[in-house]
PDB file of all heavy atoms in Angstrom:
ATOM      1  N   GLU A   1      -3.581  -3.600  -5.862  1.00  0.00           N
ATOM      2  CA  GLU A   1      -3.187  -2.865  -7.073  1.00  0.00           C
ATOM      3  C   GLU A   1      -4.419  -2.345  -7.810  1.00  0.00           C
ATOM      4  O   GLU A   1      -4.430  -1.215  -8.293  1.00  0.00           O
ATOM      5  CB  GLU A   1      -2.335  -3.745  -7.994  1.00  0.00           C
ATOM      6  CG  GLU A   1      -0.932  -3.971  -7.505  1.00  0.00           C
ATOM      7  CD  GLU A   1      -0.136  -2.679  -7.360  1.00  0.00           C
ATOM      8  OE1 GLU A   1      -0.210  -1.817  -8.264  1.00  0.00           O
ATOM      9  OE2 GLU A   1       0.552  -2.526  -6.332  1.00  0.00           O
ATOM     10  N   GLU A   2      -5.457  -3.175  -7.894  1.00  0.00           N
ATOM     11  CA  GLU A   2      -6.698  -2.749  -8.533  1.00  0.00           C
ATOM     12  C   GLU A   2      -7.324  -1.580  -7.774  1.00  0.00           C
ATOM     13  O   GLU A   2      -7.811  -0.626  -8.383  1.00  0.00           O
ATOM     14  CB  GLU A   2      -7.690  -3.908  -8.612  1.00  0.00           C
ATOM     15  CG  GLU A   2      -7.337  -4.957  -9.639  1.00  0.00           C
ATOM     16  CD  GLU A   2      -8.334  -6.113  -9.668  1.00  0.00           C
ATOM     17  OE1 GLU A   2      -9.449  -5.966  -9.121  1.00  0.00           O
ATOM     18  OE2 GLU A   2      -7.996  -7.157 -10.238  1.00  0.00           O
ATOM     19  N   ALA A   3      -7.308  -1.670  -6.463  1.00  0.00           N
ATOM     20  CA  ALA A   3      -7.880  -0.600  -5.641  1.00  0.00           C
ATOM     21  C   ALA A   3      -7.090   0.699  -5.821  1.00  0.00           C
ATOM     22  O   ALA A   3      -7.673   1.776  -5.975  1.00  0.00           O
ATOM     23  CB  ALA A   3      -7.903  -1.007  -4.170  1.00  0.00           C
ATOM     24  N   ILE A   4      -5.768   0.607  -5.818  1.00  0.00           N
ATOM     25  CA  ILE A   4      -4.935   1.797  -5.987  1.00  0.00           C
ATOM     26  C   ILE A   4      -5.158   2.407  -7.369  1.00  0.00           C
ATOM     27  O   ILE A   4      -5.295   3.635  -7.496  1.00  0.00           O
ATOM     28  CB  ILE A   4      -3.445   1.467  -5.752  1.00  0.00           C
ATOM     29  CG1 ILE A   4      -3.210   1.170  -4.266  1.00  0.00           C
ATOM     30  CG2 ILE A   4      -2.546   2.603  -6.212  1.00  0.00           C
ATOM     31  CD1 ILE A   4      -1.826   0.644  -3.949  1.00  0.00           C
ATOM     32  N   ASP A   5      -5.207   1.567  -8.395  1.00  0.00           N
ATOM     33  CA  ASP A   5      -5.442   2.069  -9.754  1.00  0.00           C
ATOM     34  C   ASP A   5      -6.795   2.764  -9.854  1.00  0.00           C
ATOM     35  O   ASP A   5      -6.918   3.845 -10.431  1.00  0.00           O
ATOM     36  CB  ASP A   5      -5.348   0.936 -10.775  1.00  0.00           C
ATOM     37  CG  ASP A   5      -3.924   0.442 -10.970  1.00  0.00           C
ATOM     38  OD1 ASP A   5      -2.971   1.174 -10.603  1.00  0.00           O
ATOM     39  OD2 ASP A   5      -3.771  -0.691 -11.487  1.00  0.00           O
ATOM     40  N   TYR A   6      -7.820   2.130  -9.285  1.00  0.00           N
ATOM     41  CA  TYR A   6      -9.165   2.717  -9.311  1.00  0.00           C
ATOM     42  C   TYR A   6      -9.163   4.071  -8.611  1.00  0.00           C
ATOM     43  O   TYR A   6      -9.671   5.061  -9.146  1.00  0.00           O
ATOM     44  CB  TYR A   6     -10.163   1.771  -8.639  1.00  0.00           C
ATOM     45  CG  TYR A   6     -11.551   2.351  -8.525  1.00  0.00           C
ATOM     46  CD1 TYR A   6     -12.472   2.178  -9.554  1.00  0.00           C
ATOM     47  CD2 TYR A   6     -11.941   3.075  -7.404  1.00  0.00           C
ATOM     48  CE1 TYR A   6     -13.744   2.714  -9.468  1.00  0.00           C
ATOM     49  CE2 TYR A   6     -13.207   3.619  -7.306  1.00  0.00           C
ATOM     50  CZ  TYR A   6     -14.109   3.435  -8.339  1.00  0.00           C
ATOM     51  OH  TYR A   6     -15.356   3.974  -8.259  1.00  0.00           O
ATOM     52  N   ALA A   7      -8.603   4.124  -7.410  1.00  0.00           N
ATOM     53  CA  ALA A   7      -8.594   5.370  -6.639  1.00  0.00           C
ATOM     54  C   ALA A   7      -7.788   6.457  -7.348  1.00  0.00           C
ATOM     55  O   ALA A   7      -8.209   7.614  -7.411  1.00  0.00           O
ATOM     56  CB  ALA A   7      -8.029   5.122  -5.240  1.00  0.00           C
ATOM     57  N   ALA A   8      -6.629   6.100  -7.897  1.00  0.00           N
ATOM     58  CA  ALA A   8      -5.794   7.083  -8.591  1.00  0.00           C
ATOM     59  C   ALA A   8      -6.532   7.682  -9.783  1.00  0.00           C
ATOM     60  O   ALA A   8      -6.517   8.904  -9.988  1.00  0.00           O
ATOM     61  CB  ALA A   8      -4.484   6.442  -9.032  1.00  0.00           C
ATOM     62  N   LYS A   9      -7.198   6.830 -10.559  1.00  0.00           N
ATOM     63  CA  LYS A   9      -7.930   7.324 -11.733  1.00  0.00           C
ATOM     64  C   LYS A   9      -9.105   8.207 -11.321  1.00  0.00           C
ATOM     65  O   LYS A   9      -9.346   9.252 -11.927  1.00  0.00           O
ATOM     66  CB  LYS A   9      -8.420   6.149 -12.579  1.00  0.00           C
ATOM     67  CG  LYS A   9      -7.321   5.463 -13.342  1.00  0.00           C
ATOM     68  CD  LYS A   9      -7.825   4.237 -14.080  1.00  0.00           C
ATOM     69  CE  LYS A   9      -6.668   3.490 -14.736  1.00  0.00           C
ATOM     70  NZ  LYS A   9      -7.101   2.218 -15.318  1.00  0.00           N
ATOM     71  N   GLU A  10      -9.824   7.792 -10.302  1.00  0.00           N
ATOM     72  CA  GLU A  10     -10.984   8.563  -9.840  1.00  0.00           C
ATOM     73  C   GLU A  10     -10.543   9.921  -9.285  1.00  0.00           C
ATOM     74  O   GLU A  10     -11.159  10.950  -9.569  1.00  0.00           O
ATOM     75  CB  GLU A  10     -11.754   7.775  -8.783  1.00  0.00           C
ATOM     76  CG  GLU A  10     -13.016   8.447  -8.310  1.00  0.00           C
ATOM     77  CD  GLU A  10     -14.077   8.591  -9.394  1.00  0.00           C
ATOM     78  OE1 GLU A  10     -14.081   7.820 -10.364  1.00  0.00           O
ATOM     79  OE2 GLU A  10     -14.911   9.512  -9.258  1.00  0.00           O
ATOM     80  N   LEU A  11      -9.483   9.936  -8.493  1.00  0.00           N
ATOM     81  CA  LEU A  11      -8.992  11.201  -7.940  1.00  0.00           C
ATOM     82  C   LEU A  11      -8.427  12.096  -9.035  1.00  0.00           C
ATOM     83  O   LEU A  11      -8.641  13.313  -9.011  1.00  0.00           O
ATOM     84  CB  LEU A  11      -7.943  10.936  -6.859  1.00  0.00           C
ATOM     85  CG  LEU A  11      -8.496  10.358  -5.559  1.00  0.00           C
ATOM     86  CD1 LEU A  11      -7.371   9.849  -4.681  1.00  0.00           C
ATOM     87  CD2 LEU A  11      -9.329  11.397  -4.818  1.00  0.00           C
ATOM     88  N   GLN A  12      -7.733  11.509  -9.986  1.00  0.00           N
ATOM     89  CA  GLN A  12      -7.177  12.291 -11.090  1.00  0.00           C
ATOM     90  C   GLN A  12      -8.303  12.904 -11.926  1.00  0.00           C
ATOM     91  O   GLN A  12      -8.207  14.042 -12.362  1.00  0.00           O
ATOM     92  CB  GLN A  12      -6.289  11.409 -11.952  1.00  0.00           C
ATOM     93  CG  GLN A  12      -5.367  12.184 -12.862  1.00  0.00           C
ATOM     94  CD  GLN A  12      -4.321  11.283 -13.479  1.00  0.00           C
ATOM     95  OE1 GLN A  12      -4.613  10.133 -13.807  1.00  0.00           O
ATOM     96  NE2 GLN A  12      -3.122  11.795 -13.635  1.00  0.00           N
ATOM     97  N   ARG A  13      -9.377  12.152 -12.106  1.00  0.00           N
ATOM     98  CA  ARG A  13     -10.538  12.667 -12.832  1.00  0.00           C
ATOM     99  C   ARG A  13     -11.114  13.897 -12.133  1.00  0.00           C
ATOM    100  O   ARG A  13     -11.638  14.800 -12.768  1.00  0.00           O
ATOM    101  CB  ARG A  13     -11.603  11.573 -12.947  1.00  0.00           C
ATOM    102  CG  ARG A  13     -12.805  11.946 -13.794  1.00  0.00           C
ATOM    103  CD  ARG A  13     -13.809  10.814 -13.885  1.00  0.00           C
ATOM    104  NE  ARG A  13     -14.485  10.525 -12.646  1.00  0.00           N
ATOM    105  CZ  ARG A  13     -15.498  11.225 -12.142  1.00  0.00           C
ATOM    106  NH1 ARG A  13     -15.960  12.262 -12.780  1.00  0.00           N
ATOM    107  NH2 ARG A  13     -16.073  10.874 -11.009  1.00  0.00           N
ATOM    108  N   ARG A  14     -10.986  13.930 -10.811  1.00  0.00           N
ATOM    109  CA  ARG A  14     -11.495  15.066 -10.026  1.00  0.00           C
ATOM    110  C   ARG A  14     -10.445  16.148  -9.807  1.00  0.00           C
ATOM    111  O   ARG A  14     -10.668  17.091  -9.068  1.00  0.00           O
ATOM    112  CB  ARG A  14     -12.004  14.565  -8.685  1.00  0.00           C
ATOM    113  CG  ARG A  14     -13.197  13.633  -8.832  1.00  0.00           C
ATOM    114  CD  ARG A  14     -13.591  13.042  -7.515  1.00  0.00           C
ATOM    115  NE  ARG A  14     -14.612  12.038  -7.666  1.00  0.00           N
ATOM    116  CZ  ARG A  14     -15.726  12.021  -6.951  1.00  0.00           C
ATOM    117  NH1 ARG A  14     -15.947  12.935  -6.055  1.00  0.00           N
ATOM    118  NH2 ARG A  14     -16.608  11.075  -7.144  1.00  0.00           N
ATOM    119  N   GLY A  15      -9.273  15.969 -10.417  1.00  0.00           N
ATOM    120  CA  GLY A  15      -8.244  17.004 -10.331  1.00  0.00           C
ATOM    121  C   GLY A  15      -7.358  16.934  -9.106  1.00  0.00           C
ATOM    122  O   GLY A  15      -6.707  17.912  -8.758  1.00  0.00           O
ATOM    123  N   ILE A  16      -7.316  15.778  -8.443  1.00  0.00           N
ATOM    124  CA  ILE A  16      -6.484  15.618  -7.250  1.00  0.00           C
ATOM    125  C   ILE A  16      -5.420  14.580  -7.551  1.00  0.00           C
ATOM    126  O   ILE A  16      -5.724  13.452  -7.908  1.00  0.00           O
ATOM    127  CB  ILE A  16      -7.327  15.161  -6.036  1.00  0.00           C
ATOM    128  CG1 ILE A  16      -8.421  16.186  -5.743  1.00  0.00           C
ATOM    129  CG2 ILE A  16      -6.439  14.949  -4.815  1.00  0.00           C
ATOM    130  CD1 ILE A  16      -9.415  15.739  -4.686  1.00  0.00           C
ATOM    131  N   ASN A  17      -4.162  14.988  -7.424  1.00  0.00           N
ATOM    132  CA  ASN A  17      -3.049  14.060  -7.641  1.00  0.00           C
ATOM    133  C   ASN A  17      -2.533  13.586  -6.294  1.00  0.00           C
ATOM    134  O   ASN A  17      -2.164  14.392  -5.446  1.00  0.00           O
ATOM    135  CB  ASN A  17      -1.924  14.733  -8.430  1.00  0.00           C
ATOM    136  CG  ASN A  17      -2.344  15.040  -9.849  1.00  0.00           C
ATOM    137  OD1 ASN A  17      -3.045  14.258 -10.477  1.00  0.00           O
ATOM    138  ND2 ASN A  17      -1.922  16.175 -10.358  1.00  0.00           N
ATOM    139  N   VAL A  18      -2.516  12.280  -6.103  1.00  0.00           N
ATOM    140  CA  VAL A  18      -2.078  11.675  -4.847  1.00  0.00           C
ATOM    141  C   VAL A  18      -1.052  10.607  -5.174  1.00  0.00           C
ATOM    142  O   VAL A  18      -1.241   9.834  -6.122  1.00  0.00           O
ATOM    143  CB  VAL A  18      -3.282  11.048  -4.090  1.00  0.00           C
ATOM    144  CG1 VAL A  18      -2.844  10.445  -2.779  1.00  0.00           C
ATOM    145  CG2 VAL A  18      -4.358  12.088  -3.852  1.00  0.00           C
ATOM    146  N   ASP A  19       0.015  10.547  -4.381  1.00  0.00           N
ATOM    147  CA  ASP A  19       1.020   9.518  -4.651  1.00  0.00           C
ATOM    148  C   ASP A  19       0.520   8.148  -4.195  1.00  0.00           C
ATOM    149  O   ASP A  19      -0.394   8.030  -3.392  1.00  0.00           O
ATOM    150  CB  ASP A  19       2.374   9.859  -4.011  1.00  0.00           C
ATOM    151  CG  ASP A  19       2.315   9.950  -2.499  1.00  0.00           C
ATOM    152  OD1 ASP A  19       1.699   9.067  -1.867  1.00  0.00           O
ATOM    153  OD2 ASP A  19       2.904  10.883  -1.942  1.00  0.00           O
ATOM    154  N   ARG A  20       1.121   7.111  -4.735  1.00  0.00           N
ATOM    155  CA  ARG A  20       0.677   5.736  -4.488  1.00  0.00           C
ATOM    156  C   ARG A  20       0.807   5.338  -3.023  1.00  0.00           C
ATOM    157  O   ARG A  20      -0.014   4.586  -2.511  1.00  0.00           O
ATOM    158  CB  ARG A  20       1.451   4.768  -5.381  1.00  0.00           C
ATOM    159  CG  ARG A  20       1.066   4.918  -6.851  1.00  0.00           C
ATOM    160  CD  ARG A  20       1.749   3.909  -7.739  1.00  0.00           C
ATOM    161  NE  ARG A  20       1.281   2.551  -7.580  1.00  0.00           N
ATOM    162  CZ  ARG A  20       0.187   2.039  -8.133  1.00  0.00           C
ATOM    163  NH1 ARG A  20      -0.576   2.809  -8.881  1.00  0.00           N
ATOM    164  NH2 ARG A  20      -0.134   0.779  -7.957  1.00  0.00           N
ATOM    165  N   GLN A  21       1.827   5.829  -2.333  1.00  0.00           N
ATOM    166  CA  GLN A  21       2.014   5.483  -0.917  1.00  0.00           C
ATOM    167  C   GLN A  21       0.844   5.991  -0.075  1.00  0.00           C
ATOM    168  O   GLN A  21       0.358   5.297   0.807  1.00  0.00           O
ATOM    169  CB  GLN A  21       3.326   6.067  -0.393  1.00  0.00           C
ATOM    170  CG  GLN A  21       4.560   5.379  -0.929  1.00  0.00           C
ATOM    171  CD  GLN A  21       4.637   3.941  -0.463  1.00  0.00           C
ATOM    172  OE1 GLN A  21       4.132   3.034  -1.119  1.00  0.00           O
ATOM    173  NE2 GLN A  21       5.267   3.725   0.664  1.00  0.00           N
ATOM    174  N   LYS A  22       0.416   7.217  -0.358  1.00  0.00           N
ATOM    175  CA  LYS A  22      -0.710   7.782   0.386  1.00  0.00           C
ATOM    176  C   LYS A  22      -1.989   7.005   0.092  1.00  0.00           C
ATOM    177  O   LYS A  22      -2.777   6.716   0.998  1.00  0.00           O
ATOM    178  CB  LYS A  22      -0.872   9.256   0.021  1.00  0.00           C
ATOM    179  CG  LYS A  22      -1.883   9.986   0.851  1.00  0.00           C
ATOM    180  CD  LYS A  22      -1.831  11.462   0.536  1.00  0.00           C
ATOM    181  CE  LYS A  22      -2.761  12.239   1.432  1.00  0.00           C
ATOM    182  NZ  LYS A  22      -2.674  13.664   1.201  1.00  0.00           N
ATOM    183  N   LEU A  23      -2.186   6.636  -1.181  1.00  0.00           N
ATOM    184  CA  LEU A  23      -3.358   5.831  -1.536  1.00  0.00           C
ATOM    185  C   LEU A  23      -3.305   4.470  -0.859  1.00  0.00           C
ATOM    186  O   LEU A  23      -4.322   3.989  -0.351  1.00  0.00           O
ATOM    187  CB  LEU A  23      -3.448   5.657  -3.048  1.00  0.00           C
ATOM    188  CG  LEU A  23      -3.954   6.847  -3.841  1.00  0.00           C
ATOM    189  CD1 LEU A  23      -3.927   6.548  -5.323  1.00  0.00           C
ATOM    190  CD2 LEU A  23      -5.336   7.242  -3.394  1.00  0.00           C
ATOM    191  N   LEU A  24      -2.133   3.850  -0.859  1.00  0.00           N
ATOM    192  CA  LEU A  24      -1.970   2.551  -0.216  1.00  0.00           C
ATOM    193  C   LEU A  24      -2.347   2.630   1.258  1.00  0.00           C
ATOM    194  O   LEU A  24      -3.123   1.809   1.760  1.00  0.00           O
ATOM    195  CB  LEU A  24      -0.526   2.063  -0.378  1.00  0.00           C
ATOM    196  CG  LEU A  24      -0.166   0.767   0.356  1.00  0.00           C
ATOM    197  CD1 LEU A  24      -0.959  -0.399  -0.214  1.00  0.00           C
ATOM    198  CD2 LEU A  24       1.320   0.507   0.258  1.00  0.00           C
ATOM    199  N   ALA A  25      -1.834   3.640   1.940  1.00  0.00           N
ATOM    200  CA  ALA A  25      -2.131   3.789   3.372  1.00  0.00           C
ATOM    201  C   ALA A  25      -3.616   4.037   3.615  1.00  0.00           C
ATOM    202  O   ALA A  25      -4.211   3.460   4.537  1.00  0.00           O
ATOM    203  CB  ALA A  25      -1.309   4.938   3.953  1.00  0.00           C
ATOM    204  N   THR A  26      -4.229   4.852   2.787  1.00  0.00           N
ATOM    205  CA  THR A  26      -5.647   5.165   2.969  1.00  0.00           C
ATOM    206  C   THR A  26      -6.526   3.959   2.660  1.00  0.00           C
ATOM    207  O   THR A  26      -7.508   3.692   3.364  1.00  0.00           O
ATOM    208  CB  THR A  26      -6.035   6.365   2.089  1.00  0.00           C
ATOM    209  OG1 THR A  26      -5.101   7.426   2.307  1.00  0.00           O
ATOM    210  CG2 THR A  26      -7.407   6.877   2.438  1.00  0.00           C
ATOM    211  N   ILE A  27      -6.184   3.204   1.635  1.00  0.00           N
ATOM    212  CA  ILE A  27      -6.957   1.998   1.296  1.00  0.00           C
ATOM    213  C   ILE A  27      -6.773   0.929   2.371  1.00  0.00           C
ATOM    214  O   ILE A  27      -7.724   0.233   2.736  1.00  0.00           O
ATOM    215  CB  ILE A  27      -6.581   1.484  -0.106  1.00  0.00           C
ATOM    216  CG1 ILE A  27      -7.050   2.495  -1.157  1.00  0.00           C
ATOM    217  CG2 ILE A  27      -7.180   0.115  -0.379  1.00  0.00           C
ATOM    218  CD1 ILE A  27      -6.518   2.253  -2.544  1.00  0.00           C
ATOM    219  N   GLU A  28      -5.563   0.802   2.894  1.00  0.00           N
ATOM    220  CA  GLU A  28      -5.340  -0.158   3.983  1.00  0.00           C
ATOM    221  C   GLU A  28      -6.165   0.227   5.215  1.00  0.00           C
ATOM    222  O   GLU A  28      -6.698  -0.642   5.906  1.00  0.00           O
ATOM    223  CB  GLU A  28      -3.862  -0.234   4.335  1.00  0.00           C
ATOM    224  CG  GLU A  28      -3.070  -1.038   3.326  1.00  0.00           C
ATOM    225  CD  GLU A  28      -1.588  -1.120   3.653  1.00  0.00           C
ATOM    226  OE1 GLU A  28      -1.100  -0.366   4.529  1.00  0.00           O
ATOM    227  OE2 GLU A  28      -0.908  -1.939   3.024  1.00  0.00           O
ATOM    228  N   ALA A  29      -6.290   1.522   5.478  1.00  0.00           N
ATOM    229  CA  ALA A  29      -7.133   1.965   6.595  1.00  0.00           C
ATOM    230  C   ALA A  29      -8.589   1.589   6.340  1.00  0.00           C
ATOM    231  O   ALA A  29      -9.299   1.149   7.263  1.00  0.00           O
ATOM    232  CB  ALA A  29      -6.994   3.471   6.801  1.00  0.00           C
ATOM    233  N   ALA A  30      -9.044   1.718   5.099  1.00  0.00           N
ATOM    234  CA  ALA A  30     -10.416   1.310   4.755  1.00  0.00           C
ATOM    235  C   ALA A  30     -10.589  -0.191   4.930  1.00  0.00           C
ATOM    236  O   ALA A  30     -11.618  -0.660   5.431  1.00  0.00           O
ATOM    237  CB  ALA A  30     -10.736   1.720   3.315  1.00  0.00           C
ATOM    238  N   TRP A  31      -9.566  -0.955   4.551  1.00  0.00           N
ATOM    239  CA  TRP A  31      -9.622  -2.411   4.721  1.00  0.00           C
ATOM    240  C   TRP A  31      -9.696  -2.772   6.200  1.00  0.00           C
ATOM    241  O   TRP A  31     -10.485  -3.627   6.602  1.00  0.00           O
ATOM    242  CB  TRP A  31      -8.395  -3.049   4.072  1.00  0.00           C
ATOM    243  CG  TRP A  31      -8.307  -4.525   4.303  1.00  0.00           C
ATOM    244  CD1 TRP A  31      -9.004  -5.493   3.652  1.00  0.00           C
ATOM    245  CD2 TRP A  31      -7.501  -5.196   5.262  1.00  0.00           C
ATOM    246  NE1 TRP A  31      -8.675  -6.729   4.143  1.00  0.00           N
ATOM    247  CE2 TRP A  31      -7.745  -6.579   5.139  1.00  0.00           C
ATOM    248  CE3 TRP A  31      -6.589  -4.767   6.219  1.00  0.00           C
ATOM    249  CZ2 TRP A  31      -7.113  -7.517   5.942  1.00  0.00           C
ATOM    250  CZ3 TRP A  31      -5.956  -5.702   7.006  1.00  0.00           C
ATOM    251  CH2 TRP A  31      -6.222  -7.064   6.866  1.00  0.00           C
ATOM    252  N   MET A  32      -8.887  -2.105   7.027  1.00  0.00           N
ATOM    253  CA  MET A  32      -8.903  -2.380   8.470  1.00  0.00           C
ATOM    254  C   MET A  32     -10.261  -2.021   9.069  1.00  0.00           C
ATOM    255  O   MET A  32     -10.776  -2.745   9.916  1.00  0.00           O
ATOM    256  CB  MET A  32      -7.786  -1.609   9.163  1.00  0.00           C
ATOM    257  CG  MET A  32      -6.400  -2.086   8.769  1.00  0.00           C
ATOM    258  SD  MET A  32      -5.129  -1.050   9.485  1.00  0.00           S
ATOM    259  CE  MET A  32      -4.648  -2.107  10.842  1.00  0.00           C
ATOM    260  N   GLN A  33     -10.816  -0.905   8.619  1.00  0.00           N
ATOM    261  CA  GLN A  33     -12.126  -0.499   9.122  1.00  0.00           C
ATOM    262  C   GLN A  33     -13.185  -1.520   8.700  1.00  0.00           C
ATOM    263  O   GLN A  33     -14.064  -1.872   9.480  1.00  0.00           O
ATOM    264  CB  GLN A  33     -12.476   0.881   8.595  1.00  0.00           C
ATOM    265  CG  GLN A  33     -13.747   1.451   9.155  1.00  0.00           C
ATOM    266  CD  GLN A  33     -14.021   2.840   8.617  1.00  0.00           C
ATOM    267  OE1 GLN A  33     -13.559   3.203   7.535  1.00  0.00           O
ATOM    268  NE2 GLN A  33     -14.760   3.621   9.368  1.00  0.00           N
TER     269      GLN A  33
END
């Protein structure tokens, strides 16, 4: 949840809106890597 919140805020600051499911999948891929 902390990772998703951090990523959502950072992306929103840069003008990119991403849904939570996409962030979850991308963060899980980073965790697996």
